[in-house]
Amino acid sequence: MPDPTDSAARRLDPIAVQAALRRLHRAAQPPWLHGEVARRMAEKLQLILCQPDLVFDWWSTQGAGDALLAQAYPNARRVRVEPDAAWLARSREQAWRPWWSALRRSAGAVEVVAEADDIAPGAGLIWSNMALHAVVDPIPLFERWQRMLRVDGFVMFSCLGPGTLRELRALYQRLGWPAPTPGFIDMHDLGDMLVHAGFADPVMDQETLTLRWANPRALLSELHALGGNTAPDRYKGLRTPRWRARLERELESSAAPDGTLGMSFEVAYGHAFKAPPRLRPGEATTVSLDDMRAMVRSGHGGPKSRQPLR
């Protein structure tokens, strides 16, 4: 079985990912799909009793979840984490507040940082919407998230799964064309990665959304707006108008009786908690003061059984 974290096995080109991020940055709004998945993921927050006072919103602008997190946790301090300087500048514009609000870090304050910055730990929630499928190796990122959380803090994320655009992949395979999508990680593999990174009680779920378009041109335009093909084995040259016309004809031939064209998007959801350190007799263990306070608040003095949702 291929390693899901291997860039060749996943067919994920980091350079193409950066190009896709630049394309997304030029758009006035995040893709509609990102906003819809953020809304669905926010509904899952109602199942978790933990009320974080510090929230990290990972790749915040394109994740389209800022308003949802503000509604769910109005008193929490939110940190919008962005992937690069361009996204950082745009996020700062969106998060701008009058100068007097910066005099103190009050409840509900918003800060913006770049992903490469050194971020102090202590978050109660790390939220990441529709970003993980653009990460070549999620395990180091999961490990970083685990270090950034306080004890009993949790991570919640969503990303595209391997059932995404299966209709388009089947069409390309039938025509002998290179694959139109990168490789997506199965939700069970993501759960294993969370455990490997030191998380407890990972809960994974998935659903398949079917989107429909009136014609091939509208379909291809929206797929391009979602970021485009980031597979390293994609066709590297420029496509001709003749090739584009054939693609549109092939898509039209698979239209539903009402003339619309449908594509599947598998969305994987996951959340997991940072467990308290396991204290063993005779073994020296270092626990930060903040983590010790969190252990006392949660009633954890050592390893105990826990419920997946709280």
Protein backbone atom coordinates (compact mmCIF):
# COMPACT_ATOMS: atom_id res chain seq x y z
CA MET A 1 0.00 0.00 0.00
CA PRO A 2 1.51 3.40 -0.95
CA ASP A 3 2.43 5.82 1.80
CA PRO A 4 -0.33 8.50 1.85
CA THR A 5 2.20 11.10 3.02
CA ASP A 6 4.52 10.50 0.07
CA SER A 7 4.27 13.29 -2.53
CA ALA A 8 4.61 10.83 -5.43
CA ALA A 9 1.94 8.50 -4.02
CA ARG A 10 -0.40 11.44 -3.43
CA ARG A 11 0.42 12.97 -6.82
CA LEU A 12 0.67 16.40 -5.22
CA ASP A 13 3.03 19.00 -6.69
CA PRO A 14 4.04 21.63 -4.06
CA ILE A 15 4.86 24.18 -6.78
CA ALA A 16 1.43 23.74 -8.32
CA VAL A 17 -0.11 24.10 -4.85
CA GLN A 18 1.57 27.50 -4.49
CA ALA A 19 0.23 28.52 -7.90
CA ALA A 20 -3.25 27.45 -6.83
CA LEU A 21 -2.96 29.54 -3.65
CA ARG A 22 -2.01 32.57 -5.76
CA ARG A 23 -5.06 31.97 -7.95
CA LEU A 24 -7.31 31.72 -4.90
CA HIS A 25 -5.76 34.91 -3.53
CA ARG A 26 -6.77 36.84 -6.66
CA ALA A 27 -10.43 35.90 -6.18
CA ALA A 28 -12.68 38.41 -4.44
CA GLN A 29 -14.26 35.72 -2.25
CA PRO A 30 -13.33 32.19 -1.11
CA PRO A 31 -14.85 29.42 -3.25
CA TRP A 32 -18.50 28.72 -2.55
CA LEU A 33 -17.63 25.13 -1.62
CA HIS A 34 -15.27 26.32 1.13
CA GLY A 35 -18.02 28.41 2.68
CA GLU A 36 -20.54 25.58 2.54
CA VAL A 37 -18.15 23.08 4.13
CA ALA A 38 -17.26 25.62 6.83
CA ARG A 39 -20.96 25.98 7.65
CA ARG A 40 -21.38 22.21 7.90
CA MET A 41 -18.26 21.86 10.04
CA ALA A 42 -19.43 24.64 12.38
CA GLU A 43 -22.59 22.64 13.08
CA LYS A 44 -20.38 19.91 14.55
CA LEU A 45 -19.04 22.35 17.16
CA GLN A 46 -22.39 22.07 18.93
CA LEU A 47 -21.49 18.49 19.87
CA ILE A 48 -18.39 19.57 21.79
CA LEU A 49 -18.83 21.06 25.24
CA CYS A 50 -15.32 22.51 25.41
CA GLN A 51 -15.42 26.34 25.20
CA PRO A 52 -11.99 27.54 24.02
CA ASP A 53 -10.76 30.98 25.00
CA LEU A 54 -8.09 31.00 22.26
CA VAL A 55 -8.84 29.81 18.70
CA PHE A 56 -6.35 29.40 15.85
CA ASP A 57 -8.07 29.64 12.46
CA TRP A 58 -5.63 27.91 10.09
CA TRP A 59 -5.45 29.43 6.59
CA SER A 60 -8.30 31.60 7.70
CA THR A 61 -9.20 33.71 4.65
CA GLN A 62 -9.65 30.90 2.16
CA GLY A 63 -11.27 28.75 4.88
CA ALA A 64 -14.25 31.13 5.10
CA GLY A 65 -14.91 30.28 8.74
CA ASP A 66 -14.08 33.53 10.56
CA ALA A 67 -17.68 34.72 11.02
CA LEU A 68 -18.79 31.22 12.06
CA LEU A 69 -16.08 31.01 14.72
CA ALA A 70 -16.95 34.49 15.98
CA GLN A 71 -20.57 33.39 16.34
CA ALA A 72 -19.67 30.10 18.04
CA TYR A 73 -17.12 31.63 20.44
CA PRO A 74 -17.87 35.37 20.78
CA ASN A 75 -15.63 35.77 23.84
CA ALA A 76 -12.63 33.86 22.50
CA ARG A 77 -9.47 35.47 21.20
CA ARG A 78 -9.08 34.40 17.57
CA VAL A 79 -5.78 34.16 15.71
CA ARG A 80 -6.06 34.04 11.93
CA VAL A 81 -3.11 32.02 10.61
CA GLU A 82 -2.25 32.54 6.92
CA PRO A 83 0.08 30.56 4.60
CA ASP A 84 2.21 33.42 3.22
CA ALA A 85 2.79 37.18 3.16
CA ALA A 86 0.18 37.90 0.47
CA TRP A 87 -2.58 36.11 2.38
CA LEU A 88 -1.33 37.75 5.58
CA ALA A 89 -1.80 41.26 4.14
CA ARG A 90 -5.28 40.45 2.88
CA SER A 91 -6.29 38.92 6.20
CA ARG A 92 -5.07 41.97 8.09
CA GLU A 93 -7.25 44.19 5.92
CA GLN A 94 -10.28 42.05 6.71
CA ALA A 95 -9.49 41.94 10.44
CA TRP A 96 -8.81 45.69 10.74
CA ARG A 97 -10.23 47.37 13.84
CA PRO A 98 -10.07 50.95 15.16
CA TRP A 99 -6.80 51.82 16.87
CA TRP A 100 -8.36 51.95 20.34
CA SER A 101 -9.34 48.26 20.17
CA ALA A 102 -5.65 47.35 20.01
CA LEU A 103 -4.90 48.93 23.39
CA ARG A 104 -5.73 45.66 25.11
CA ARG A 105 -6.22 42.04 24.09
CA SER A 106 -9.77 41.77 25.21
CA ALA A 107 -12.18 38.89 24.78
CA GLY A 108 -13.16 38.51 21.17
CA ALA A 109 -10.02 40.22 19.84
CA VAL A 110 -8.67 39.12 16.46
CA GLU A 111 -5.00 38.79 15.55
CA VAL A 112 -3.38 37.83 12.26
CA VAL A 113 -0.09 35.98 11.85
CA ALA A 114 1.82 34.20 9.11
CA GLU A 115 2.10 30.43 9.27
CA ALA A 116 5.90 30.60 9.44
CA ASP A 117 5.84 32.82 12.53
CA ASP A 118 6.67 31.33 15.91
CA ILE A 119 3.25 30.95 17.53
CA ALA A 120 3.04 30.47 21.27
CA PRO A 121 1.06 27.38 22.42
CA GLY A 122 -2.06 27.39 24.53
CA ALA A 123 -4.91 27.24 22.01
CA GLY A 124 -8.19 25.63 22.99
CA LEU A 125 -9.13 25.01 19.33
CA ILE A 126 -7.27 24.79 16.05
CA TRP A 127 -9.74 25.06 13.17
CA SER A 128 -8.70 24.21 9.61
CA ASN A 129 -11.24 24.22 6.79
CA MET A 130 -10.45 22.86 3.31
CA ALA A 131 -6.68 23.20 3.59
CA LEU A 132 -5.21 19.78 4.45
CA HIS A 133 -5.55 18.37 0.92
CA ALA A 134 -2.95 21.00 -0.10
CA VAL A 135 -0.41 19.72 2.46
CA VAL A 136 2.08 17.16 1.10
CA ASP A 137 2.78 15.53 4.49
CA PRO A 138 0.09 16.23 7.13
CA ILE A 139 1.89 14.42 9.98
CA PRO A 140 4.39 17.23 10.78
CA LEU A 141 1.50 19.70 10.69
CA PHE A 142 -0.56 17.51 13.04
CA GLU A 143 2.44 17.30 15.38
CA ARG A 144 2.78 21.08 15.30
CA TRP A 145 -0.91 21.51 16.07
CA GLN A 146 -0.59 19.09 18.97
CA ARG A 147 2.20 21.21 20.46
CA MET A 148 0.20 24.41 19.98
CA LEU A 149 -2.85 23.15 21.86
CA ARG A 150 -3.36 23.23 25.60
CA VAL A 151 -4.27 20.02 27.40
CA ASP A 152 -7.84 19.06 26.46
CA GLY A 153 -7.78 21.51 23.56
CA PHE A 154 -8.96 20.08 20.26
CA VAL A 155 -8.38 20.30 16.54
CA MET A 156 -11.20 20.29 13.99
CA PHE A 157 -10.60 20.14 10.25
CA SER A 158 -12.10 19.32 6.88
CA CYS A 159 -10.51 18.44 3.55
CA LEU A 160 -11.28 16.75 0.25
CA GLY A 161 -11.23 12.94 0.14
CA PRO A 162 -10.43 10.37 -2.58
CA GLY A 163 -14.00 10.29 -3.93
CA THR A 164 -13.66 13.88 -5.15
CA LEU A 165 -14.30 14.37 -8.89
CA ARG A 166 -14.49 10.63 -9.55
CA GLU A 167 -16.63 11.32 -12.63
CA LEU A 168 -13.98 13.58 -14.14
CA ARG A 169 -11.19 11.11 -13.33
CA ALA A 170 -13.14 8.30 -15.03
CA LEU A 171 -13.61 10.45 -18.14
CA TYR A 172 -9.89 11.32 -18.33
CA GLN A 173 -8.94 7.67 -17.84
CA ARG A 174 -11.29 6.57 -20.61
CA LEU A 175 -9.73 9.09 -23.00
CA GLY A 176 -6.16 8.19 -21.98
CA TRP A 177 -5.42 11.62 -20.56
CA PRO A 178 -3.27 12.32 -17.46
CA ALA A 179 -5.18 12.45 -14.18
CA PRO A 180 -7.09 15.72 -13.58
CA THR A 181 -6.69 15.69 -9.79
CA PRO A 182 -4.02 15.04 -7.17
CA GLY A 183 -4.27 12.09 -4.80
CA PHE A 184 -6.45 12.71 -1.75
CA ILE A 185 -5.92 11.00 1.62
CA ASP A 186 -8.56 8.62 2.94
CA MET A 187 -10.17 9.68 6.22
CA HIS A 188 -9.02 6.50 7.98
CA ASP A 189 -5.40 7.32 7.10
CA LEU A 190 -5.92 10.83 8.46
CA GLY A 191 -7.19 9.32 11.71
CA ASP A 192 -4.06 7.15 11.95
CA MET A 193 -1.91 10.23 11.38
CA LEU A 194 -3.64 12.04 14.23
CA VAL A 195 -2.85 9.16 16.59
CA HIS A 196 0.75 9.08 15.34
CA ALA A 197 1.00 12.81 16.10
CA GLY A 198 -0.10 12.24 19.71
CA PHE A 199 -3.79 13.12 19.56
CA ALA A 200 -6.44 11.23 21.51
CA ASP A 201 -9.96 10.17 20.57
CA PRO A 202 -9.84 11.01 16.84
CA VAL A 203 -13.30 11.02 15.30
CA MET A 204 -13.51 10.93 11.51
CA ASP A 205 -16.52 11.35 9.28
CA GLN A 206 -17.18 11.97 5.61
CA GLU A 207 -19.95 12.95 3.25
CA THR A 208 -20.22 13.28 -0.50
CA LEU A 209 -21.64 16.48 -1.95
CA THR A 210 -22.86 16.46 -5.55
CA LEU A 211 -22.66 19.84 -7.25
CA ARG A 212 -24.45 20.51 -10.53
CA TRP A 213 -23.81 23.02 -13.32
CA ALA A 214 -25.88 24.14 -16.28
CA ASN A 215 -23.11 23.57 -18.85
CA PRO A 216 -19.47 22.40 -19.20
CA ARG A 217 -18.12 25.95 -19.35
CA ALA A 218 -19.58 26.84 -15.95
CA LEU A 219 -18.32 23.56 -14.49
CA LEU A 220 -14.75 24.03 -15.73
CA SER A 221 -14.71 27.65 -14.60
CA GLU A 222 -15.61 26.70 -11.04
CA LEU A 223 -13.09 23.85 -10.95
CA HIS A 224 -10.42 26.33 -12.02
CA ALA A 225 -11.53 28.72 -9.27
CA LEU A 226 -11.13 25.93 -6.69
CA GLY A 227 -7.42 25.86 -7.43
CA GLY A 228 -6.94 23.75 -10.52
CA ASN A 229 -5.01 20.52 -10.99
CA THR A 230 -2.02 20.19 -8.64
CA ALA A 231 -0.94 16.68 -9.67
CA PRO A 232 2.71 16.37 -10.80
CA ASP A 233 1.66 14.00 -13.62
CA ARG A 234 -0.83 16.48 -15.07
CA TYR A 235 -0.46 17.62 -18.67
CA LYS A 236 2.32 20.25 -18.54
CA GLY A 237 1.77 22.03 -21.85
CA LEU A 238 -0.89 24.47 -22.97
CA ARG A 239 -4.15 22.90 -24.07
CA THR A 240 -5.55 23.89 -27.46
CA PRO A 241 -9.06 25.21 -28.15
CA ARG A 242 -9.66 21.96 -30.06
CA TRP A 243 -8.86 19.90 -26.95
CA ARG A 244 -11.09 22.15 -24.83
CA ALA A 245 -13.97 21.71 -27.28
CA ARG A 246 -13.60 17.94 -27.10
CA LEU A 247 -13.58 18.00 -23.29
CA GLU A 248 -16.79 20.03 -23.30
CA ARG A 249 -18.43 17.60 -25.74
CA GLU A 250 -17.43 14.64 -23.57
CA LEU A 251 -18.83 16.35 -20.49
CA GLU A 252 -22.08 17.14 -22.28
CA SER A 253 -22.47 13.48 -23.20
CA SER A 254 -22.62 12.60 -19.48
CA ALA A 255 -25.30 15.18 -18.64
CA ALA A 256 -28.34 14.23 -16.58
CA PRO A 257 -31.81 14.08 -18.22
CA ASP A 258 -32.38 17.69 -17.17
CA GLY A 259 -29.20 18.73 -18.99
CA THR A 260 -27.15 19.52 -15.87
CA LEU A 261 -23.67 18.18 -15.17
CA GLY A 262 -22.87 16.71 -11.75
CA MET A 263 -19.56 16.19 -9.96
CA SER A 264 -18.93 14.49 -6.61
CA PHE A 265 -16.88 16.06 -3.82
CA GLU A 266 -15.98 13.80 -0.91
CA VAL A 267 -15.44 15.89 2.22
CA ALA A 268 -13.64 14.36 5.19
CA TYR A 269 -14.15 15.83 8.67
CA GLY A 270 -12.02 15.11 11.70
CA HIS A 271 -11.51 16.22 15.27
CA ALA A 272 -9.30 15.03 18.09
CA PHE A 273 -8.17 16.16 21.55
CA LYS A 274 -4.80 16.76 23.11
CA ALA A 275 -4.60 14.29 25.97
CA PRO A 276 -3.03 15.10 29.35
CA PRO A 277 0.54 13.82 29.79
CA ARG A 278 0.62 10.24 31.01
CA LEU A 279 2.26 10.28 34.43
CA ARG A 280 4.11 7.07 35.27
CA PRO A 281 5.57 6.21 38.70
CA GLY A 282 9.32 6.73 38.83
CA GLU A 283 9.41 8.61 35.52
CA ALA A 284 10.33 12.30 35.43
CA THR A 285 7.67 14.29 33.58
CA THR A 286 7.67 18.00 32.79
CA VAL A 287 4.27 19.67 32.58
CA SER A 288 3.79 23.38 31.89
CA LEU A 289 1.89 25.46 34.44
CA ASP A 290 -0.87 26.19 31.92
CA ASP A 291 -1.26 22.50 31.11
CA MET A 292 -1.34 21.62 34.80
CA ARG A 293 -4.11 24.15 35.37
CA ALA A 294 -6.02 22.68 32.44
CA MET A 295 -5.60 19.19 33.90
CA VAL A 296 -7.00 20.38 37.22
CA ARG A 297 -9.95 22.11 35.54
CA SER A 298 -10.78 19.02 33.51
CA GLY A 299 -10.33 16.65 36.44
CA HIS A 300 -7.39 14.79 34.88
CA GLY A 301 -4.66 13.89 37.32
CA GLY A 302 -3.36 11.14 35.09
CA PRO A 303 -4.57 8.76 32.43
CA LYS A 304 -8.31 8.17 32.56
CA SER A 305 -10.92 7.01 30.11
CA ARG A 306 -12.57 9.73 28.08
CA GLN A 307 -15.51 10.16 25.78
CA PRO A 308 -14.97 11.08 22.11
CA LEU A 309 -17.27 14.11 22.31
CA ARG A 310 -17.46 16.54 25.13
